[in-house]
């Protein structure tokens, strides 16, 4: 189980130092969710206190790389730049990015254009850093982009990697299609195909046998919402011979 990483999402109620101390006995790889208590803008020195490898999930609470209002889009790119600087300082292997969203239907075309622009800029920005940028597919909420693999070629052409969230893909019925794209990074959690539960692996309808047999060299990160779901999930995944 040591080579399956764990997201700090399961311990967002804890200070980052306590969360890392809690997860360190369970894994050698932790993905830091860079929001709230775990913001690396406030706690950049904390990861160096642990003998862990890291990936980072860029902030999700603010910012939108698909925002047509250019000043907000640029600010969102700048947050990613600053997160990448911190990622390099702690030797993080991957930086997970969200593809943005559009809340107003009448702005969707302009929002899509903004997203295309951001993908190109992020590809260039990645060249300034050692950390690999990977873009994550989102779930079934209609205002979210990247629910199907239609952006994968564009993302790869820009030099970015693919982060497959299997729970999100289960909601959009696109798991097999995304697995065919050879993801670079995989978020592991479960649901029943109705809502984004981020539940323990093995408690829902995600086909983890298919996921793990197709994972290749992708980084594997357990991304559940509750600390008590970590060990059941790891034990279930271990049953596949990991």
C-alpha atoms as a PDB file:
ATOM      1  CA  UNK A   1       0.000   0.000   0.000  1.00  0.00           C
ATOM      2  CA  UNK A   2       2.975   2.297   0.445  1.00  0.00           C
ATOM      3  CA  UNK A   3       3.038   3.342  -3.195  1.00  0.00           C
ATOM      4  CA  UNK A   4      -0.578   4.555  -3.159  1.00  0.00           C
ATOM      5  CA  UNK A   5      -0.549   8.199  -2.167  1.00  0.00           C
ATOM      6  CA  UNK A   6      -3.170   9.848   0.010  1.00  0.00           C
ATOM      7  CA  UNK A   7      -4.727  13.279  -0.419  1.00  0.00           C
ATOM      8  CA  UNK A   8      -4.976  15.580   2.589  1.00  0.00           C
ATOM      9  CA  UNK A   9      -8.629  16.033   1.583  1.00  0.00           C
ATOM     10  CA  UNK A  10      -9.468  13.468   4.270  1.00  0.00           C
ATOM     11  CA  UNK A  11      -7.995  15.695   6.989  1.00  0.00           C
ATOM     12  CA  UNK A  12      -8.909  19.232   5.972  1.00  0.00           C
ATOM     13  CA  UNK A  13     -10.153  19.939   9.508  1.00  0.00           C
ATOM     14  CA  UNK A  14      -6.604  19.490  10.821  1.00  0.00           C
ATOM     15  CA  UNK A  15      -3.645  21.851  10.563  1.00  0.00           C
ATOM     16  CA  UNK A  16      -1.379  20.754   7.710  1.00  0.00           C
ATOM     17  CA  UNK A  17       1.402  19.561  10.026  1.00  0.00           C
ATOM     18  CA  UNK A  18      -0.980  17.316  11.951  1.00  0.00           C
ATOM     19  CA  UNK A  19      -2.522  15.995   8.714  1.00  0.00           C
ATOM     20  CA  UNK A  20       0.896  15.041   7.331  1.00  0.00           C
ATOM     21  CA  UNK A  21       1.875  13.427  10.629  1.00  0.00           C
ATOM     22  CA  UNK A  22      -1.339  11.384  10.512  1.00  0.00           C
ATOM     23  CA  UNK A  23      -0.789  10.189   6.948  1.00  0.00           C
ATOM     24  CA  UNK A  24       2.972   9.580   7.068  1.00  0.00           C
ATOM     25  CA  UNK A  25       2.692   6.102   8.689  1.00  0.00           C
ATOM     26  CA  UNK A  26       0.315   5.002   5.920  1.00  0.00           C
ATOM     27  CA  UNK A  27       2.142   6.098   2.772  1.00  0.00           C
ATOM     28  CA  UNK A  28       5.302   7.676   1.408  1.00  0.00           C
ATOM     29  CA  UNK A  29       3.355   9.976  -0.960  1.00  0.00           C
ATOM     30  CA  UNK A  30       0.895  12.699   0.031  1.00  0.00           C
ATOM     31  CA  UNK A  31      -1.090  15.039  -2.198  1.00  0.00           C
ATOM     32  CA  UNK A  32      -1.547  18.375  -0.457  1.00  0.00           C
ATOM     33  CA  UNK A  33      -4.889  20.017  -1.199  1.00  0.00           C
ATOM     34  CA  UNK A  34      -3.716  23.625  -1.267  1.00  0.00           C
ATOM     35  CA  UNK A  35      -6.817  25.177   0.301  1.00  0.00           C
ATOM     36  CA  UNK A  36      -7.971  26.361   3.745  1.00  0.00           C
ATOM     37  CA  UNK A  37      -5.915  24.776   6.559  1.00  0.00           C
ATOM     38  CA  UNK A  38      -3.583  23.214   3.997  1.00  0.00           C
ATOM     39  CA  UNK A  39      -2.775  26.324   1.992  1.00  0.00           C
ATOM     40  CA  UNK A  40       0.888  26.231   1.073  1.00  0.00           C
ATOM     41  CA  UNK A  41       0.827  29.990   0.677  1.00  0.00           C
ATOM     42  CA  UNK A  42       0.695  30.100   4.472  1.00  0.00           C
ATOM     43  CA  UNK A  43       2.440  26.839   5.349  1.00  0.00           C
ATOM     44  CA  UNK A  44       5.121  26.337   2.684  1.00  0.00           C
ATOM     45  CA  UNK A  45       7.739  25.203   5.203  1.00  0.00           C
ATOM     46  CA  UNK A  46       5.634  22.430   6.744  1.00  0.00           C
ATOM     47  CA  UNK A  47       6.203  19.694   4.085  1.00  0.00           C
ATOM     48  CA  UNK A  48       9.979  19.812   4.621  1.00  0.00           C
ATOM     49  CA  UNK A  49       9.488  18.529   8.176  1.00  0.00           C
ATOM     50  CA  UNK A  50       8.421  15.102   6.888  1.00  0.00           C
ATOM     51  CA  UNK A  51      10.093  12.275   4.992  1.00  0.00           C
ATOM     52  CA  UNK A  52       7.441  12.216   2.277  1.00  0.00           C
ATOM     53  CA  UNK A  53       7.096  12.588  -1.462  1.00  0.00           C
ATOM     54  CA  UNK A  54       4.496  15.092  -2.599  1.00  0.00           C
ATOM     55  CA  UNK A  55       2.036  16.000  -5.265  1.00  0.00           C
ATOM     56  CA  UNK A  56      -0.016  19.172  -4.950  1.00  0.00           C
ATOM     57  CA  UNK A  57      -3.592  19.974  -5.876  1.00  0.00           C
ATOM     58  CA  UNK A  58      -3.737  23.644  -6.861  1.00  0.00           C
ATOM     59  CA  UNK A  59      -6.268  25.808  -4.984  1.00  0.00           C
ATOM     60  CA  UNK A  60      -9.898  25.177  -5.952  1.00  0.00           C
ATOM     61  CA  UNK A  61     -11.733  27.674  -3.737  1.00  0.00           C
ATOM     62  CA  UNK A  62     -10.955  30.722  -5.879  1.00  0.00           C
ATOM     63  CA  UNK A  63      -9.945  31.323  -9.454  1.00  0.00           C
ATOM     64  CA  UNK A  64     -11.187  30.097 -12.811  1.00  0.00           C
ATOM     65  CA  UNK A  65      -8.905  29.556 -15.801  1.00  0.00           C
ATOM     66  CA  UNK A  66     -12.003  29.510 -18.045  1.00  0.00           C
ATOM     67  CA  UNK A  67     -13.168  32.976 -16.916  1.00  0.00           C
ATOM     68  CA  UNK A  68     -13.869  35.299 -19.898  1.00  0.00           C
ATOM     69  CA  UNK A  69     -13.056  38.383 -17.794  1.00  0.00           C
ATOM     70  CA  UNK A  70      -9.361  38.579 -18.613  1.00  0.00           C
ATOM     71  CA  UNK A  71      -8.141  40.056 -15.353  1.00  0.00           C
ATOM     72  CA  UNK A  72      -9.658  37.186 -13.372  1.00  0.00           C
ATOM     73  CA  UNK A  73      -8.317  34.611 -15.838  1.00  0.00           C
ATOM     74  CA  UNK A  74      -4.832  36.104 -15.589  1.00  0.00           C
ATOM     75  CA  UNK A  75      -5.037  36.181 -11.794  1.00  0.00           C
ATOM     76  CA  UNK A  76      -6.011  32.493 -11.839  1.00  0.00           C
ATOM     77  CA  UNK A  77      -2.953  31.660 -13.959  1.00  0.00           C
ATOM     78  CA  UNK A  78      -0.783  33.670 -11.559  1.00  0.00           C
ATOM     79  CA  UNK A  79      -2.055  31.623  -8.595  1.00  0.00           C
ATOM     80  CA  UNK A  80      -0.996  28.486 -10.471  1.00  0.00           C
ATOM     81  CA  UNK A  81       2.419  30.033 -11.138  1.00  0.00           C
ATOM     82  CA  UNK A  82       2.896  30.781  -7.442  1.00  0.00           C
ATOM     83  CA  UNK A  83       1.715  27.283  -6.509  1.00  0.00           C
ATOM     84  CA  UNK A  84       4.206  25.800  -8.982  1.00  0.00           C
ATOM     85  CA  UNK A  85       7.008  27.809  -7.361  1.00  0.00           C
ATOM     86  CA  UNK A  86       6.129  26.257  -4.001  1.00  0.00           C
ATOM     87  CA  UNK A  87       5.792  22.826  -5.629  1.00  0.00           C
ATOM     88  CA  UNK A  88       9.334  23.091  -6.977  1.00  0.00           C
ATOM     89  CA  UNK A  89      10.641  24.257  -3.603  1.00  0.00           C
ATOM     90  CA  UNK A  90       9.416  21.043  -1.923  1.00  0.00           C
ATOM     91  CA  UNK A  91      10.238  18.766  -4.868  1.00  0.00           C
ATOM     92  CA  UNK A  92       6.613  17.922  -5.693  1.00  0.00           C
ATOM     93  CA  UNK A  93       6.152  15.520  -8.591  1.00  0.00           C
ATOM     94  CA  UNK A  94       2.772  16.621  -9.960  1.00  0.00           C
ATOM     95  CA  UNK A  95       0.586  19.719  -9.784  1.00  0.00           C
ATOM     96  CA  UNK A  96      -3.115  18.974 -10.324  1.00  0.00           C
ATOM     97  CA  UNK A  97      -5.152  21.703 -12.038  1.00  0.00           C
ATOM     98  CA  UNK A  98      -8.886  22.156 -12.530  1.00  0.00           C
ATOM     99  CA  UNK A  99     -10.121  23.126 -16.028  1.00  0.00           C
ATOM    100  CA  UNK A 100     -12.491  25.873 -14.914  1.00  0.00           C
ATOM    101  CA  UNK A 101     -16.209  26.385 -15.192  1.00  0.00           C
ATOM    102  CA  UNK A 102     -18.934  28.629 -16.584  1.00  0.00           C
ATOM    103  CA  UNK A 103     -21.978  29.492 -14.489  1.00  0.00           C
ATOM    104  CA  UNK A 104     -23.835  31.533 -17.129  1.00  0.00           C
ATOM    105  CA  UNK A 105     -24.976  29.677 -20.246  1.00  0.00           C
ATOM    106  CA  UNK A 106     -24.824  32.829 -22.355  1.00  0.00           C
ATOM    107  CA  UNK A 107     -21.092  33.150 -21.599  1.00  0.00           C
ATOM    108  CA  UNK A 108     -20.180  29.546 -22.391  1.00  0.00           C
ATOM    109  CA  UNK A 109     -18.633  30.210 -25.823  1.00  0.00           C
ATOM    110  CA  UNK A 110     -16.433  32.981 -24.408  1.00  0.00           C
ATOM    111  CA  UNK A 111     -15.542  30.763 -21.459  1.00  0.00           C
ATOM    112  CA  UNK A 112     -14.436  27.947 -23.758  1.00  0.00           C
ATOM    113  CA  UNK A 113     -12.182  30.379 -25.626  1.00  0.00           C
ATOM    114  CA  UNK A 114     -10.703  31.498 -22.310  1.00  0.00           C
ATOM    115  CA  UNK A 115     -10.023  27.875 -21.376  1.00  0.00           C
ATOM    116  CA  UNK A 116      -8.231  27.230 -24.687  1.00  0.00           C
ATOM    117  CA  UNK A 117      -6.062  30.296 -24.070  1.00  0.00           C
ATOM    118  CA  UNK A 118      -5.260  29.166 -20.542  1.00  0.00           C
ATOM    119  CA  UNK A 119      -4.276  25.663 -21.648  1.00  0.00           C
ATOM    120  CA  UNK A 120      -1.727  27.129 -24.073  1.00  0.00           C
ATOM    121  CA  UNK A 121      -0.365  29.487 -21.420  1.00  0.00           C
ATOM    122  CA  UNK A 122      -0.119  26.711 -18.848  1.00  0.00           C
ATOM    123  CA  UNK A 123       1.858  24.599 -21.300  1.00  0.00           C
ATOM    124  CA  UNK A 124       4.388  27.403 -21.640  1.00  0.00           C
ATOM    125  CA  UNK A 125       4.364  28.101 -17.917  1.00  0.00           C
ATOM    126  CA  UNK A 126       5.122  24.471 -17.108  1.00  0.00           C
ATOM    127  CA  UNK A 127       8.445  24.803 -18.936  1.00  0.00           C
ATOM    128  CA  UNK A 128       9.641  27.160 -16.180  1.00  0.00           C
ATOM    129  CA  UNK A 129       9.288  24.502 -13.480  1.00  0.00           C
ATOM    130  CA  UNK A 130      10.274  20.939 -12.664  1.00  0.00           C
ATOM    131  CA  UNK A 131       6.824  19.894 -11.428  1.00  0.00           C
ATOM    132  CA  UNK A 132       4.553  18.257 -14.043  1.00  0.00           C
ATOM    133  CA  UNK A 133       1.209  19.981 -14.594  1.00  0.00           C
ATOM    134  CA  UNK A 134      -1.748  17.573 -14.935  1.00  0.00           C
ATOM    135  CA  UNK A 135      -5.319  18.645 -15.678  1.00  0.00           C
ATOM    136  CA  UNK A 136      -8.221  16.877 -13.973  1.00  0.00           C
ATOM    137  CA  UNK A 137     -11.552  15.843 -15.473  1.00  0.00           C
ATOM    138  CA  UNK A 138     -14.519  17.159 -13.506  1.00  0.00           C
ATOM    139  CA  UNK A 139     -17.872  15.640 -12.586  1.00  0.00           C
ATOM    140  CA  UNK A 140     -21.406  15.858 -13.868  1.00  0.00           C
ATOM    141  CA  UNK A 141     -22.349  19.397 -12.862  1.00  0.00           C
ATOM    142  CA  UNK A 142     -23.311  21.051 -16.137  1.00  0.00           C
ATOM    143  CA  UNK A 143     -21.267  24.213 -15.543  1.00  0.00           C
ATOM    144  CA  UNK A 144     -17.980  22.251 -15.313  1.00  0.00           C
ATOM    145  CA  UNK A 145     -15.680  21.708 -18.274  1.00  0.00           C
ATOM    146  CA  UNK A 146     -13.693  18.574 -19.181  1.00  0.00           C
ATOM    147  CA  UNK A 147     -16.325  15.951 -18.395  1.00  0.00           C
ATOM    148  CA  UNK A 148     -15.362  13.807 -21.401  1.00  0.00           C
ATOM    149  CA  UNK A 149     -11.967  13.138 -23.031  1.00  0.00           C
ATOM    150  CA  UNK A 150     -12.584  15.749 -25.752  1.00  0.00           C
ATOM    151  CA  UNK A 151      -9.883  18.069 -24.352  1.00  0.00           C
ATOM    152  CA  UNK A 152      -7.205  15.422 -23.866  1.00  0.00           C
ATOM    153  CA  UNK A 153      -5.481  15.939 -27.215  1.00  0.00           C
ATOM    154  CA  UNK A 154      -5.393  19.705 -26.722  1.00  0.00           C
ATOM    155  CA  UNK A 155      -4.015  19.289 -23.203  1.00  0.00           C
ATOM    156  CA  UNK A 156      -1.309  16.905 -24.359  1.00  0.00           C
ATOM    157  CA  UNK A 157      -0.436  19.062 -27.389  1.00  0.00           C
ATOM    158  CA  UNK A 158       0.189  21.901 -24.941  1.00  0.00           C
ATOM    159  CA  UNK A 159       2.554  19.645 -22.978  1.00  0.00           C
ATOM    160  CA  UNK A 160       0.279  19.056 -19.991  1.00  0.00           C
ATOM    161  CA  UNK A 161      -0.575  15.692 -18.469  1.00  0.00           C
ATOM    162  CA  UNK A 162      -3.925  14.062 -17.709  1.00  0.00           C
ATOM    163  CA  UNK A 163      -5.195  13.618 -14.156  1.00  0.00           C
ATOM    164  CA  UNK A 164      -8.032  11.091 -14.190  1.00  0.00           C
ATOM    165  CA  UNK A 165     -10.496  11.353 -11.342  1.00  0.00           C
ATOM    166  CA  UNK A 166     -12.232   7.971 -11.439  1.00  0.00           C
ATOM    167  CA  UNK A 167     -15.129   9.116  -9.255  1.00  0.00           C
ATOM    168  CA  UNK A 168     -15.878  12.017 -11.579  1.00  0.00           C
ATOM    169  CA  UNK A 169     -15.610   9.742 -14.614  1.00  0.00           C
ATOM    170  CA  UNK A 170     -18.025   7.300 -12.965  1.00  0.00           C
ATOM    171  CA  UNK A 171     -20.596  10.099 -12.740  1.00  0.00           C
ATOM    172  CA  UNK A 172     -20.219  11.031 -16.407  1.00  0.00           C
ATOM    173  CA  UNK A 173     -20.021   7.379 -17.576  1.00  0.00           C
ATOM    174  CA  UNK A 174     -16.661   8.076 -19.246  1.00  0.00           C
ATOM    175  CA  UNK A 175     -14.277   5.957 -17.172  1.00  0.00           C
ATOM    176  CA  UNK A 176     -13.347   3.517 -19.941  1.00  0.00           C
ATOM    177  CA  UNK A 177     -12.851   6.364 -22.412  1.00  0.00           C
ATOM    178  CA  UNK A 178     -10.519   8.222 -20.058  1.00  0.00           C
ATOM    179  CA  UNK A 179      -8.536   5.090 -19.189  1.00  0.00           C
ATOM    180  CA  UNK A 180      -7.770   4.650 -22.890  1.00  0.00           C
ATOM    181  CA  UNK A 181      -5.975   8.019 -22.764  1.00  0.00           C
ATOM    182  CA  UNK A 182      -3.193   6.657 -20.511  1.00  0.00           C
ATOM    183  CA  UNK A 183      -3.557   9.068 -17.582  1.00  0.00           C
ATOM    184  CA  UNK A 184      -0.455  10.371 -15.817  1.00  0.00           C
ATOM    185  CA  UNK A 185      -2.119  10.757 -12.423  1.00  0.00           C
ATOM    186  CA  UNK A 186      -5.216   9.086 -10.945  1.00  0.00           C
ATOM    187  CA  UNK A 187      -7.503  10.103  -8.090  1.00  0.00           C
ATOM    188  CA  UNK A 188      -9.089   7.050  -6.452  1.00  0.00           C
ATOM    189  CA  UNK A 189     -12.441   7.267  -4.668  1.00  0.00           C
ATOM    190  CA  UNK A 190     -15.898   5.751  -5.052  1.00  0.00           C
ATOM    191  CA  UNK A 191     -19.533   6.696  -5.558  1.00  0.00           C
ATOM    192  CA  UNK A 192     -22.803   5.160  -6.753  1.00  0.00           C
ATOM    193  CA  UNK A 193     -22.939   7.070 -10.028  1.00  0.00           C
ATOM    194  CA  UNK A 194     -25.321   9.718  -8.690  1.00  0.00           C
ATOM    195  CA  UNK A 195     -23.345  12.217  -6.603  1.00  0.00           C
ATOM    196  CA  UNK A 196     -19.671  12.992  -5.974  1.00  0.00           C
ATOM    197  CA  UNK A 197     -19.334  11.140  -2.677  1.00  0.00           C
ATOM    198  CA  UNK A 198     -15.532  10.742  -2.535  1.00  0.00           C
ATOM    199  CA  UNK A 199     -16.304   7.580  -0.564  1.00  0.00           C
ATOM    200  CA  UNK A 200     -14.076   4.648   0.387  1.00  0.00           C
ATOM    201  CA  UNK A 201     -12.941   2.554  -2.567  1.00  0.00           C
ATOM    202  CA  UNK A 202     -15.046  -0.588  -2.841  1.00  0.00           C
ATOM    203  CA  UNK A 203     -18.248   0.918  -1.446  1.00  0.00           C
ATOM    204  CA  UNK A 204     -19.737   2.154  -4.725  1.00  0.00           C
ATOM    205  CA  UNK A 205     -19.876   1.272  -8.411  1.00  0.00           C
ATOM    206  CA  UNK A 206     -16.419   2.287  -9.695  1.00  0.00           C
ATOM    207  CA  UNK A 207     -14.724  -0.666 -11.433  1.00  0.00           C
ATOM    208  CA  UNK A 208     -11.370  -0.570  -9.643  1.00  0.00           C
ATOM    209  CA  UNK A 209     -10.226  -3.800 -11.257  1.00  0.00           C
ATOM    210  CA  UNK A 210     -10.435  -2.024 -14.603  1.00  0.00           C
ATOM    211  CA  UNK A 211      -8.827   1.133 -13.221  1.00  0.00           C
ATOM    212  CA  UNK A 212      -5.845  -0.577 -11.628  1.00  0.00           C
ATOM    213  CA  UNK A 213      -5.197  -2.910 -14.545  1.00  0.00           C
ATOM    214  CA  UNK A 214      -5.094   0.125 -16.856  1.00  0.00           C
ATOM    215  CA  UNK A 215      -3.166   2.495 -14.592  1.00  0.00           C
ATOM    216  CA  UNK A 216       0.250   1.850 -16.099  1.00  0.00           C
ATOM    217  CA  UNK A 217       2.817   4.203 -14.564  1.00  0.00           C
ATOM    218  CA  UNK A 218       0.276   6.754 -13.355  1.00  0.00           C
ATOM    219  CA  UNK A 219       0.639   8.215  -9.887  1.00  0.00           C
ATOM    220  CA  UNK A 220      -2.144   6.805  -7.674  1.00  0.00           C
ATOM    221  CA  UNK A 221      -3.733   9.062  -5.053  1.00  0.00           C
ATOM    222  CA  UNK A 222      -6.517   8.034  -2.669  1.00  0.00           C
ATOM    223  CA  UNK A 223      -8.821  11.078  -2.457  1.00  0.00           C
ATOM    224  CA  UNK A 224     -11.555  10.389   0.094  1.00  0.00           C
ATOM    225  CA  UNK A 225     -13.262  12.998   2.255  1.00  0.00           C
ATOM    226  CA  UNK A 226     -13.157  11.187   5.617  1.00  0.00           C
ATOM    227  CA  UNK A 227     -10.106   9.948   7.465  1.00  0.00           C
ATOM    228  CA  UNK A 228     -12.005   6.830   8.546  1.00  0.00           C
ATOM    229  CA  UNK A 229     -12.376   5.854   4.868  1.00  0.00           C
ATOM    230  CA  UNK A 230      -8.622   5.795   4.224  1.00  0.00           C
ATOM    231  CA  UNK A 231      -7.727   2.374   5.687  1.00  0.00           C
ATOM    232  CA  UNK A 232     -10.794   0.547   4.277  1.00  0.00           C
ATOM    233  CA  UNK A 233      -9.978   2.008   0.880  1.00  0.00           C
ATOM    234  CA  UNK A 234      -6.313   1.056   1.052  1.00  0.00           C
ATOM    235  CA  UNK A 235      -7.188  -2.458   2.209  1.00  0.00           C
ATOM    236  CA  UNK A 236      -9.652  -2.869  -0.661  1.00  0.00           C
ATOM    237  CA  UNK A 237      -7.132  -1.662  -3.223  1.00  0.00           C
ATOM    238  CA  UNK A 238      -4.501  -4.004  -1.762  1.00  0.00           C
ATOM    239  CA  UNK A 239      -6.852  -6.901  -2.512  1.00  0.00           C
ATOM    240  CA  UNK A 240      -6.050  -6.354  -6.213  1.00  0.00           C
ATOM    241  CA  UNK A 241      -2.420  -7.229  -5.553  1.00  0.00           C
ATOM    242  CA  UNK A 242      -0.976  -3.736  -5.257  1.00  0.00           C
END
